[in-house]
Amino acid sequence: DADIKEIKVQICIFAFDLLYLNGESLVEKPFRERRRLLHESIRCIPGELVFAESRTTSNIDEINMYLEQSVKDDCKDFMIKTLDDDATYEIAKRSYKWHKINFLN
């Protein structure tokens, strides 16, 4: 029976995509545009709401280096997404457009 006032949990949200903005669905827009709108629309609050770290590359060696570093840094997830070609968001559907790797032990 813990008192709610005694519970102290620091939560930080890592924003990486934007699907809806000002009454408009963005799911048909390419990821590059959704990400631009995300950065234009949200003000980060350090330690509470920040943008997920990202890299833009098509070089497989760079992707592998970033993946290895993510594992070393104990990241929870690693995502690879297309930016422009077929980069719309498909709700509740897995596709070749993106891949997510979970690192939870």
PDB file of N, CA and C in Angstrom:
ATOM      1  N   ASP A   1       0.834  -1.190   0.000  1.00  0.00           N
ATOM      2  CA  ASP A   1       0.000   0.000   0.000  1.00  0.00           C
ATOM      3  C   ASP A   1       0.876   1.250   0.000  1.00  0.00           C
ATOM      4  N   ALA A   2       1.355   1.617  -1.155  1.00  0.00           N
ATOM      5  CA  ALA A   2       2.201   2.803  -1.274  1.00  0.00           C
ATOM      6  C   ALA A   2       1.341   4.039  -1.451  1.00  0.00           C
ATOM      7  N   ASP A   3       1.800   5.116  -0.860  1.00  0.00           N
ATOM      8  CA  ASP A   3       1.145   6.413  -1.019  1.00  0.00           C
ATOM      9  C   ASP A   3       1.630   7.011  -2.340  1.00  0.00           C
ATOM     10  N   ILE A   4       0.723   7.497  -3.158  1.00  0.00           N
ATOM     11  CA  ILE A   4       1.069   8.047  -4.471  1.00  0.00           C
ATOM     12  C   ILE A   4       2.106   9.161  -4.353  1.00  0.00           C
ATOM     13  N   LYS A   5       2.097   9.895  -3.251  1.00  0.00           N
ATOM     14  CA  LYS A   5       3.056  10.985  -3.043  1.00  0.00           C
ATOM     15  C   LYS A   5       4.469  10.463  -2.828  1.00  0.00           C
ATOM     16  N   GLU A   6       4.598   9.209  -2.435  1.00  0.00           N
ATOM     17  CA  GLU A   6       5.910   8.628  -2.172  1.00  0.00           C
ATOM     18  C   GLU A   6       6.548   8.031  -3.426  1.00  0.00           C
ATOM     19  N   ILE A   7       5.775   7.848  -4.464  1.00  0.00           N
ATOM     20  CA  ILE A   7       6.292   7.245  -5.691  1.00  0.00           C
ATOM     21  C   ILE A   7       6.954   8.329  -6.532  1.00  0.00           C
ATOM     22  N   LYS A   8       8.229   8.145  -6.788  1.00  0.00           N
ATOM     23  CA  LYS A   8       8.983   9.127  -7.564  1.00  0.00           C
ATOM     24  C   LYS A   8       9.637   8.410  -8.745  1.00  0.00           C
ATOM     25  N   VAL A   9       9.001   8.496  -9.884  1.00  0.00           N
ATOM     26  CA  VAL A   9       9.508   7.872 -11.097  1.00  0.00           C
ATOM     27  C   VAL A   9       9.729   8.971 -12.126  1.00  0.00           C
ATOM     28  N   GLN A  10      10.932   9.042 -12.658  1.00  0.00           N
ATOM     29  CA  GLN A  10      11.238  10.019 -13.696  1.00  0.00           C
ATOM     30  C   GLN A  10      10.998   9.364 -15.053  1.00  0.00           C
ATOM     31  N   ILE A  11      10.105   9.916 -15.829  1.00  0.00           N
ATOM     32  CA  ILE A  11       9.778   9.375 -17.145  1.00  0.00           C
ATOM     33  C   ILE A  11      10.190  10.384 -18.204  1.00  0.00           C
ATOM     34  N   CYS A  12      10.826   9.891 -19.254  1.00  0.00           N
ATOM     35  CA  CYS A  12      11.195  10.737 -20.380  1.00  0.00           C
ATOM     36  C   CYS A  12      10.613  10.116 -21.647  1.00  0.00           C
ATOM     37  N   ILE A  13       9.901  10.903 -22.417  1.00  0.00           N
ATOM     38  CA  ILE A  13       9.318  10.455 -23.684  1.00  0.00           C
ATOM     39  C   ILE A  13      10.295  10.791 -24.808  1.00  0.00           C
ATOM     40  N   PHE A  14      10.576   9.794 -25.655  1.00  0.00           N
ATOM     41  CA  PHE A  14      11.445   9.980 -26.808  1.00  0.00           C
ATOM     42  C   PHE A  14      10.571  10.003 -28.061  1.00  0.00           C
ATOM     43  N   ALA A  15      10.359  11.178 -28.633  1.00  0.00           N
ATOM     44  CA  ALA A  15       9.497  11.339 -29.813  1.00  0.00           C
ATOM     45  C   ALA A  15      10.293  11.025 -31.083  1.00  0.00           C
ATOM     46  N   PHE A  16       9.695  10.212 -31.973  1.00  0.00           N
ATOM     47  CA  PHE A  16      10.394   9.850 -33.208  1.00  0.00           C
ATOM     48  C   PHE A  16       9.507   9.925 -34.446  1.00  0.00           C
ATOM     49  N   ASP A  17       8.202  10.098 -34.292  1.00  0.00           N
ATOM     50  CA  ASP A  17       7.307  10.155 -35.445  1.00  0.00           C
ATOM     51  C   ASP A  17       6.077  10.957 -35.042  1.00  0.00           C
ATOM     52  N   LEU A  18       5.399  11.521 -36.015  1.00  0.00           N
ATOM     53  CA  LEU A  18       4.198  12.315 -35.774  1.00  0.00           C
ATOM     54  C   LEU A  18       3.128  11.855 -36.759  1.00  0.00           C
ATOM     55  N   LEU A  19       2.014  11.358 -36.233  1.00  0.00           N
ATOM     56  CA  LEU A  19       0.970  10.784 -37.083  1.00  0.00           C
ATOM     57  C   LEU A  19      -0.253  11.674 -37.230  1.00  0.00           C
ATOM     58  N   TYR A  20      -0.386  12.667 -36.356  1.00  0.00           N
ATOM     59  CA  TYR A  20      -1.579  13.513 -36.354  1.00  0.00           C
ATOM     60  C   TYR A  20      -1.174  14.887 -35.848  1.00  0.00           C
ATOM     61  N   LEU A  21      -1.602  15.955 -36.524  1.00  0.00           N
ATOM     62  CA  LEU A  21      -1.225  17.307 -36.119  1.00  0.00           C
ATOM     63  C   LEU A  21      -2.330  18.288 -36.469  1.00  0.00           C
ATOM     64  N   ASN A  22      -2.803  19.006 -35.482  1.00  0.00           N
ATOM     65  CA  ASN A  22      -3.803  20.061 -35.680  1.00  0.00           C
ATOM     66  C   ASN A  22      -5.005  19.585 -36.494  1.00  0.00           C
ATOM     67  N   GLY A  23      -5.527  18.422 -36.141  1.00  0.00           N
ATOM     68  CA  GLY A  23      -6.714  17.898 -36.803  1.00  0.00           C
ATOM     69  C   GLY A  23      -6.457  17.211 -38.132  1.00  0.00           C
ATOM     70  N   GLU A  24      -5.197  17.085 -38.527  1.00  0.00           N
ATOM     71  CA  GLU A  24      -4.867  16.469 -39.816  1.00  0.00           C
ATOM     72  C   GLU A  24      -4.083  15.175 -39.608  1.00  0.00           C
ATOM     73  N   SER A  25      -4.539  14.120 -40.260  1.00  0.00           N
ATOM     74  CA  SER A  25      -3.800  12.862 -40.252  1.00  0.00           C
ATOM     75  C   SER A  25      -2.569  13.009 -41.139  1.00  0.00           C
ATOM     76  N   LEU A  26      -1.444  12.536 -40.649  1.00  0.00           N
ATOM     77  CA  LEU A  26      -0.195  12.615 -41.404  1.00  0.00           C
ATOM     78  C   LEU A  26       0.265  11.257 -41.919  1.00  0.00           C
ATOM     79  N   VAL A  27      -0.553  10.226 -41.744  1.00  0.00           N
ATOM     80  CA  VAL A  27      -0.119   8.863 -42.067  1.00  0.00           C
ATOM     81  C   VAL A  27       0.187   8.664 -43.556  1.00  0.00           C
ATOM     82  N   GLU A  28      -0.373   9.480 -44.424  1.00  0.00           N
ATOM     83  CA  GLU A  28      -0.106   9.356 -45.860  1.00  0.00           C
ATOM     84  C   GLU A  28       1.120  10.156 -46.296  1.00  0.00           C
ATOM     85  N   LYS A  29       1.682  10.939 -45.389  1.00  0.00           N
ATOM     86  CA  LYS A  29       2.866  11.737 -45.721  1.00  0.00           C
ATOM     87  C   LYS A  29       4.127  10.899 -45.496  1.00  0.00           C
ATOM     88  N   PRO A  30       5.184  11.150 -46.271  1.00  0.00           N
ATOM     89  CA  PRO A  30       6.428  10.404 -46.078  1.00  0.00           C
ATOM     90  C   PRO A  30       7.034  10.673 -44.699  1.00  0.00           C
ATOM     91  N   PHE A  31       7.792   9.718 -44.205  1.00  0.00           N
ATOM     92  CA  PHE A  31       8.393   9.835 -42.881  1.00  0.00           C
ATOM     93  C   PHE A  31       9.275  11.076 -42.769  1.00  0.00           C
ATOM     94  N   ARG A  32      10.023  11.419 -43.819  1.00  0.00           N
ATOM     95  CA  ARG A  32      10.883  12.606 -43.768  1.00  0.00           C
ATOM     96  C   ARG A  32      10.053  13.850 -43.439  1.00  0.00           C
ATOM     97  N   GLU A  33       8.874  13.996 -44.053  1.00  0.00           N
ATOM     98  CA  GLU A  33       8.012  15.149 -43.787  1.00  0.00           C
ATOM     99  C   GLU A  33       7.409  15.073 -42.387  1.00  0.00           C
ATOM    100  N   ARG A  34       6.971  13.889 -41.965  1.00  0.00           N
ATOM    101  CA  ARG A  34       6.414  13.737 -40.613  1.00  0.00           C
ATOM    102  C   ARG A  34       7.461  14.093 -39.560  1.00  0.00           C
ATOM    103  N   ARG A  35       8.692  13.668 -39.798  1.00  0.00           N
ATOM    104  CA  ARG A  35       9.768  13.968 -38.845  1.00  0.00           C
ATOM    105  C   ARG A  35      10.067  15.467 -38.814  1.00  0.00           C
ATOM    106  N   ARG A  36      10.040  16.124 -39.976  1.00  0.00           N
ATOM    107  CA  ARG A  36      10.246  17.575 -40.026  1.00  0.00           C
ATOM    108  C   ARG A  36       9.154  18.292 -39.237  1.00  0.00           C
ATOM    109  N   LEU A  37       7.898  17.888 -39.452  1.00  0.00           N
ATOM    110  CA  LEU A  37       6.778  18.490 -38.725  1.00  0.00           C
ATOM    111  C   LEU A  37       6.884  18.234 -37.225  1.00  0.00           C
ATOM    112  N   LEU A  38       7.345  17.061 -36.850  1.00  0.00           N
ATOM    113  CA  LEU A  38       7.553  16.747 -35.437  1.00  0.00           C
ATOM    114  C   LEU A  38       8.520  17.745 -34.816  1.00  0.00           C
ATOM    115  N   HIS A  39       9.660  17.964 -35.462  1.00  0.00           N
ATOM    116  CA  HIS A  39      10.675  18.872 -34.929  1.00  0.00           C
ATOM    117  C   HIS A  39      10.204  20.321 -34.927  1.00  0.00           C
ATOM    118  N   GLU A  40       9.352  20.689 -35.874  1.00  0.00           N
ATOM    119  CA  GLU A  40       8.826  22.055 -35.918  1.00  0.00           C
ATOM    120  C   GLU A  40       7.716  22.280 -34.896  1.00  0.00           C
ATOM    121  N   SER A  41       7.036  21.223 -34.480  1.00  0.00           N
ATOM    122  CA  SER A  41       5.814  21.351 -33.682  1.00  0.00           C
ATOM    123  C   SER A  41       5.995  21.122 -32.191  1.00  0.00           C
ATOM    124  N   ILE A  42       7.075  20.486 -31.798  1.00  0.00           N
ATOM    125  CA  ILE A  42       7.241  20.109 -30.395  1.00  0.00           C
ATOM    126  C   ILE A  42       8.459  20.801 -29.809  1.00  0.00           C
ATOM    127  N   ARG A  43       8.279  21.345 -28.625  1.00  0.00           N
ATOM    128  CA  ARG A  43       9.382  21.950 -27.885  1.00  0.00           C
ATOM    129  C   ARG A  43       9.859  20.929 -26.860  1.00  0.00           C
ATOM    130  N   CYS A  44      11.112  20.567 -26.950  1.00  0.00           N
ATOM    131  CA  CYS A  44      11.662  19.574 -26.025  1.00  0.00           C
ATOM    132  C   CYS A  44      11.769  20.140 -24.614  1.00  0.00           C
ATOM    133  N   ILE A  45      11.614  19.260 -23.655  1.00  0.00           N
ATOM    134  CA  ILE A  45      11.818  19.563 -22.242  1.00  0.00           C
ATOM    135  C   ILE A  45      12.850  18.545 -21.762  1.00  0.00           C
ATOM    136  N   PRO A  46      14.102  18.965 -21.582  1.00  0.00           N
ATOM    137  CA  PRO A  46      15.154  18.014 -21.218  1.00  0.00           C
ATOM    138  C   PRO A  46      14.750  17.124 -20.040  1.00  0.00           C
ATOM    139  N   GLY A  47      14.951  15.829 -20.231  1.00  0.00           N
ATOM    140  CA  GLY A  47      14.631  14.862 -19.191  1.00  0.00           C
ATOM    141  C   GLY A  47      13.174  14.453 -19.145  1.00  0.00           C
ATOM    142  N   GLU A  48      12.310  15.113 -19.939  1.00  0.00           N
ATOM    143  CA  GLU A  48      10.882  14.793 -19.943  1.00  0.00           C
ATOM    144  C   GLU A  48      10.355  14.456 -21.336  1.00  0.00           C
ATOM    145  N   LEU A  49      10.705  15.279 -22.324  1.00  0.00           N
ATOM    146  CA  LEU A  49      10.270  15.066 -23.707  1.00  0.00           C
ATOM    147  C   LEU A  49      11.410  15.482 -24.624  1.00  0.00           C
ATOM    148  N   VAL A  50      11.992  14.511 -25.304  1.00  0.00           N
ATOM    149  CA  VAL A  50      13.115  14.778 -26.202  1.00  0.00           C
ATOM    150  C   VAL A  50      12.896  14.024 -27.511  1.00  0.00           C
ATOM    151  N   PHE A  51      13.639  14.417 -28.532  1.00  0.00           N
ATOM    152  CA  PHE A  51      13.580  13.691 -29.794  1.00  0.00           C
ATOM    153  C   PHE A  51      14.490  12.474 -29.702  1.00  0.00           C
ATOM    154  N   ALA A  52      14.026  11.355 -30.212  1.00  0.00           N
ATOM    155  CA  ALA A  52      14.862  10.160 -30.268  1.00  0.00           C
ATOM    156  C   ALA A  52      16.065  10.461 -31.151  1.00  0.00           C
ATOM    157  N   GLU A  53      17.206   9.948 -30.749  1.00  0.00           N
ATOM    158  CA  GLU A  53      18.408  10.143 -31.545  1.00  0.00           C
ATOM    159  C   GLU A  53      18.221   9.460 -32.894  1.00  0.00           C
ATOM    160  N   SER A  54      18.676  10.114 -33.951  1.00  0.00           N
ATOM    161  CA  SER A  54      18.499   9.527 -35.282  1.00  0.00           C
ATOM    162  C   SER A  54      19.710   9.807 -36.161  1.00  0.00           C
ATOM    163  N   ARG A  55      19.848   9.002 -37.177  1.00  0.00           N
ATOM    164  CA  ARG A  55      20.877   9.154 -38.201  1.00  0.00           C
ATOM    165  C   ARG A  55      20.198   8.939 -39.549  1.00  0.00           C
ATOM    166  N   THR A  56      20.655   9.670 -40.550  1.00  0.00           N
ATOM    167  CA  THR A  56      20.155   9.470 -41.902  1.00  0.00           C
ATOM    168  C   THR A  56      21.305   8.946 -42.754  1.00  0.00           C
ATOM    169  N   THR A  57      21.159   7.718 -43.210  1.00  0.00           N
ATOM    170  CA  THR A  57      22.200   7.098 -44.030  1.00  0.00           C
ATOM    171  C   THR A  57      21.612   5.936 -44.821  1.00  0.00           C
ATOM    172  N   SER A  58      22.258   5.618 -45.914  1.00  0.00           N
ATOM    173  CA  SER A  58      21.913   4.403 -46.655  1.00  0.00           C
ATOM    174  C   SER A  58      23.121   3.471 -46.700  1.00  0.00           C
ATOM    175  N   ASN A  59      24.173   3.834 -45.966  1.00  0.00           N
ATOM    176  CA  ASN A  59      25.400   3.055 -45.934  1.00  0.00           C
ATOM    177  C   ASN A  59      25.276   1.938 -44.902  1.00  0.00           C
ATOM    178  N   ILE A  60      25.372   0.694 -45.352  1.00  0.00           N
ATOM    179  CA  ILE A  60      25.170  -0.456 -44.465  1.00  0.00           C
ATOM    180  C   ILE A  60      26.214  -0.508 -43.354  1.00  0.00           C
ATOM    181  N   ASP A  61      27.455  -0.086 -43.631  1.00  0.00           N
ATOM    182  CA  ASP A  61      28.485  -0.083 -42.588  1.00  0.00           C
ATOM    183  C   ASP A  61      28.148   0.918 -41.485  1.00  0.00           C
ATOM    184  N   GLU A  62      27.638   2.088 -41.862  1.00  0.00           N
ATOM    185  CA  GLU A  62      27.228   3.079 -40.868  1.00  0.00           C
ATOM    186  C   GLU A  62      26.059   2.558 -40.035  1.00  0.00           C
ATOM    187  N   ILE A  63      25.118   1.885 -40.685  1.00  0.00           N
ATOM    188  CA  ILE A  63      23.977   1.313 -39.962  1.00  0.00           C
ATOM    189  C   ILE A  63      24.465   0.273 -38.957  1.00  0.00           C
ATOM    190  N   ASN A  64      25.382  -0.586 -39.374  1.00  0.00           N
ATOM    191  CA  ASN A  64      25.926  -1.600 -38.467  1.00  0.00           C
ATOM    192  C   ASN A  64      26.672  -0.973 -37.294  1.00  0.00           C
ATOM    193  N   MET A  65      27.455   0.077 -37.555  1.00  0.00           N
ATOM    194  CA  MET A  65      28.176   0.759 -36.472  1.00  0.00           C
ATOM    195  C   MET A  65      27.196   1.374 -35.480  1.00  0.00           C
ATOM    196  N   TYR A  66      26.142   1.988 -35.996  1.00  0.00           N
ATOM    197  CA  TYR A  66      25.138   2.608 -35.135  1.00  0.00           C
ATOM    198  C   TYR A  66      24.390   1.543 -34.333  1.00  0.00           C
ATOM    199  N   LEU A  67      24.096   0.418 -34.946  1.00  0.00           N
ATOM    200  CA  LEU A  67      23.450  -0.690 -34.243  1.00  0.00           C
ATOM    201  C   LEU A  67      24.345  -1.207 -33.114  1.00  0.00           C
ATOM    202  N   GLU A  68      25.620  -1.425 -33.414  1.00  0.00           N
ATOM    203  CA  GLU A  68      26.555  -1.896 -32.388  1.00  0.00           C
ATOM    204  C   GLU A  68      26.654  -0.906 -31.227  1.00  0.00           C
ATOM    205  N   GLN A  69      26.697   0.388 -31.542  1.00  0.00           N
ATOM    206  CA  GLN A  69      26.772   1.403 -30.491  1.00  0.00           C
ATOM    207  C   GLN A  69      25.496   1.418 -29.660  1.00  0.00           C
ATOM    208  N   SER A  70      24.363   1.206 -30.293  1.00  0.00           N
ATOM    209  CA  SER A  70      23.087   1.159 -29.569  1.00  0.00           C
ATOM    210  C   SER A  70      23.070   0.016 -28.563  1.00  0.00           C
ATOM    211  N   VAL A  71      23.621  -1.123 -28.951  1.00  0.00           N
ATOM    212  CA  VAL A  71      23.709  -2.267 -28.037  1.00  0.00           C
ATOM    213  C   VAL A  71      24.628  -1.920 -26.870  1.00  0.00           C
ATOM    214  N   LYS A  72      25.794  -1.335 -27.152  1.00  0.00           N
ATOM    215  CA  LYS A  72      26.740  -0.946 -26.096  1.00  0.00           C
ATOM    216  C   LYS A  72      26.125   0.059 -25.131  1.00  0.00           C
ATOM    217  N   ASP A  73      25.290   0.957 -25.662  1.00  0.00           N
ATOM    218  CA  ASP A  73      24.674   2.006 -24.843  1.00  0.00           C
ATOM    219  C   ASP A  73      23.423   1.540 -24.113  1.00  0.00           C
ATOM    220  N   ASP A  74      23.109   0.239 -24.201  1.00  0.00           N
ATOM    221  CA  ASP A  74      21.929  -0.330 -23.543  1.00  0.00           C
ATOM    222  C   ASP A  74      20.620   0.318 -23.988  1.00  0.00           C
ATOM    223  N   CYS A  75      20.529   0.647 -25.287  1.00  0.00           N
ATOM    224  CA  CYS A  75      19.279   1.195 -25.815  1.00  0.00           C
ATOM    225  C   CYS A  75      18.199   0.112 -25.784  1.00  0.00           C
ATOM    226  N   LYS A  76      16.954   0.539 -25.655  1.00  0.00           N
ATOM    227  CA  LYS A  76      15.836  -0.401 -25.621  1.00  0.00           C
ATOM    228  C   LYS A  76      15.502  -0.909 -27.026  1.00  0.00           C
ATOM    229  N   ASP A  77      15.496  -0.010 -28.000  1.00  0.00           N
ATOM    230  CA  ASP A  77      15.085  -0.350 -29.365  1.00  0.00           C
ATOM    231  C   ASP A  77      16.039   0.260 -30.383  1.00  0.00           C
ATOM    232  N   PHE A  78      15.985  -0.288 -31.576  1.00  0.00           N
ATOM    233  CA  PHE A  78      16.710   0.235 -32.728  1.00  0.00           C
ATOM    234  C   PHE A  78      15.756   0.127 -33.907  1.00  0.00           C
ATOM    235  N   MET A  79      15.494   1.253 -34.587  1.00  0.00           N
ATOM    236  CA  MET A  79      14.549   1.243 -35.702  1.00  0.00           C
ATOM    237  C   MET A  79      15.233   1.705 -36.978  1.00  0.00           C
ATOM    238  N   ILE A  80      14.883   1.056 -38.067  1.00  0.00           N
ATOM    239  CA  ILE A  80      15.323   1.462 -39.396  1.00  0.00           C
ATOM    240  C   ILE A  80      14.059   1.752 -40.195  1.00  0.00           C
ATOM    241  N   LYS A  81      13.990   2.971 -40.763  1.00  0.00           N
ATOM    242  CA  LYS A  81      12.801   3.365 -41.529  1.00  0.00           C
ATOM    243  C   LYS A  81      13.209   3.986 -42.853  1.00  0.00           C
ATOM    244  N   THR A  82      12.376   3.795 -43.869  1.00  0.00           N
ATOM    245  CA  THR A  82      12.568   4.521 -45.118  1.00  0.00           C
ATOM    246  C   THR A  82      12.085   5.950 -44.901  1.00  0.00           C
ATOM    247  N   LEU A  83      12.725   6.900 -45.579  1.00  0.00           N
ATOM    248  CA  LEU A  83      12.364   8.305 -45.398  1.00  0.00           C
ATOM    249  C   LEU A  83      11.394   8.809 -46.455  1.00  0.00           C
ATOM    250  N   ASP A  84      11.577   8.404 -47.694  1.00  0.00           N
ATOM    251  CA  ASP A  84      10.812   8.993 -48.789  1.00  0.00           C
ATOM    252  C   ASP A  84      10.010   7.973 -49.590  1.00  0.00           C
ATOM    253  N   ASP A  85      10.664   6.990 -50.159  1.00  0.00           N
ATOM    254  CA  ASP A  85       9.992   6.017 -51.019  1.00  0.00           C
ATOM    255  C   ASP A  85       9.118   5.089 -50.192  1.00  0.00           C
ATOM    256  N   ASP A  86       7.828   5.096 -50.483  1.00  0.00           N
ATOM    257  CA  ASP A  86       6.874   4.251 -49.753  1.00  0.00           C
ATOM    258  C   ASP A  86       7.004   4.425 -48.247  1.00  0.00           C
ATOM    259  N   ALA A  87       7.190   5.660 -47.793  1.00  0.00           N
ATOM    260  CA  ALA A  87       7.457   5.912 -46.375  1.00  0.00           C
ATOM    261  C   ALA A  87       6.227   6.394 -45.612  1.00  0.00           C
ATOM    262  N   THR A  88       5.038   6.050 -46.098  1.00  0.00           N
ATOM    263  CA  THR A  88       3.830   6.393 -45.358  1.00  0.00           C
ATOM    264  C   THR A  88       3.693   5.455 -44.168  1.00  0.00           C
ATOM    265  N   TYR A  89       2.859   5.838 -43.212  1.00  0.00           N
ATOM    266  CA  TYR A  89       2.654   5.024 -42.010  1.00  0.00           C
ATOM    267  C   TYR A  89       1.453   4.116 -42.223  1.00  0.00           C
ATOM    268  N   GLU A  90       1.633   2.837 -42.002  1.00  0.00           N
ATOM    269  CA  GLU A  90       0.533   1.886 -42.127  1.00  0.00           C
ATOM    270  C   GLU A  90       0.176   1.388 -40.737  1.00  0.00           C
ATOM    271  N   ILE A  91      -1.003   1.746 -40.286  1.00  0.00           N
ATOM    272  CA  ILE A  91      -1.444   1.462 -38.927  1.00  0.00           C
ATOM    273  C   ILE A  91      -1.536  -0.041 -38.678  1.00  0.00           C
ATOM    274  N   ALA A  92      -0.913  -0.477 -37.575  1.00  0.00           N
ATOM    275  CA  ALA A  92      -0.964  -1.874 -37.108  1.00  0.00           C
ATOM    276  C   ALA A  92      -0.529  -2.873 -38.177  1.00  0.00           C
ATOM    277  N   LYS A  93       0.480  -2.493 -38.971  1.00  0.00           N
ATOM    278  CA  LYS A  93       0.921  -3.390 -40.035  1.00  0.00           C
ATOM    279  C   LYS A  93       2.441  -3.400 -40.104  1.00  0.00           C
ATOM    280  N   ARG A  94       3.003  -4.571 -40.138  1.00  0.00           N
ATOM    281  CA  ARG A  94       4.443  -4.719 -40.360  1.00  0.00           C
ATOM    282  C   ARG A  94       4.683  -4.643 -41.868  1.00  0.00           C
ATOM    283  N   SER A  95       5.801  -4.038 -42.244  1.00  0.00           N
ATOM    284  CA  SER A  95       6.106  -3.947 -43.667  1.00  0.00           C
ATOM    285  C   SER A  95       7.613  -3.836 -43.864  1.00  0.00           C
ATOM    286  N   TYR A  96       8.029  -3.825 -45.125  1.00  0.00           N
ATOM    287  CA  TYR A  96       9.441  -3.675 -45.456  1.00  0.00           C
ATOM    288  C   TYR A  96       9.908  -2.236 -45.258  1.00  0.00           C
ATOM    289  N   LYS A  97       8.987  -1.310 -45.004  1.00  0.00           N
ATOM    290  CA  LYS A  97       9.302   0.110 -44.878  1.00  0.00           C
ATOM    291  C   LYS A  97      10.048   0.443 -43.594  1.00  0.00           C
ATOM    292  N   TRP A  98       9.946  -0.428 -42.619  1.00  0.00           N
ATOM    293  CA  TRP A  98      10.629  -0.179 -41.351  1.00  0.00           C
ATOM    294  C   TRP A  98      10.903  -1.499 -40.648  1.00  0.00           C
ATOM    295  N   HIS A  99      11.891  -1.462 -39.781  1.00  0.00           N
ATOM    296  CA  HIS A  99      12.221  -2.646 -38.988  1.00  0.00           C
ATOM    297  C   HIS A  99      12.617  -2.185 -37.592  1.00  0.00           C
ATOM    298  N   LYS A 100      12.116  -2.865 -36.592  1.00  0.00           N
ATOM    299  CA  LYS A 100      12.410  -2.523 -35.199  1.00  0.00           C
ATOM    300  C   LYS A 100      13.058  -3.721 -34.523  1.00  0.00           C
ATOM    301  N   ILE A 101      14.158  -3.449 -33.825  1.00  0.00           N
ATOM    302  CA  ILE A 101      14.856  -4.482 -33.061  1.00  0.00           C
ATOM    303  C   ILE A 101      14.743  -4.114 -31.588  1.00  0.00           C
ATOM    304  N   ASN A 102      14.246  -5.034 -30.767  1.00  0.00           N
ATOM    305  CA  ASN A 102      14.157  -4.808 -29.322  1.00  0.00           C
ATOM    306  C   ASN A 102      15.374  -5.413 -28.650  1.00  0.00           C
ATOM    307  N   PHE A 103      15.946  -4.678 -27.690  1.00  0.00           N
ATOM    308  CA  PHE A 103      17.126  -5.139 -26.973  1.00  0.00           C
ATOM    309  C   PHE A 103      16.822  -5.580 -25.554  1.00  0.00           C
ATOM    310  N   LEU A 104      15.570  -5.706 -25.183  1.00  0.00           N
ATOM    311  CA  LEU A 104      15.245  -6.068 -23.805  1.00  0.00           C
ATOM    312  C   LEU A 104      15.791  -7.445 -23.474  1.00  0.00           C
ATOM    313  N   ASN A 105      16.412  -7.546 -22.319  1.00  0.00           N
ATOM    314  CA  ASN A 105      16.963  -8.841 -21.874  1.00  0.00           C
ATOM    315  C   ASN A 105      15.922  -9.643 -21.144  1.00  0.00           C
TER     316      ASN A 105
END
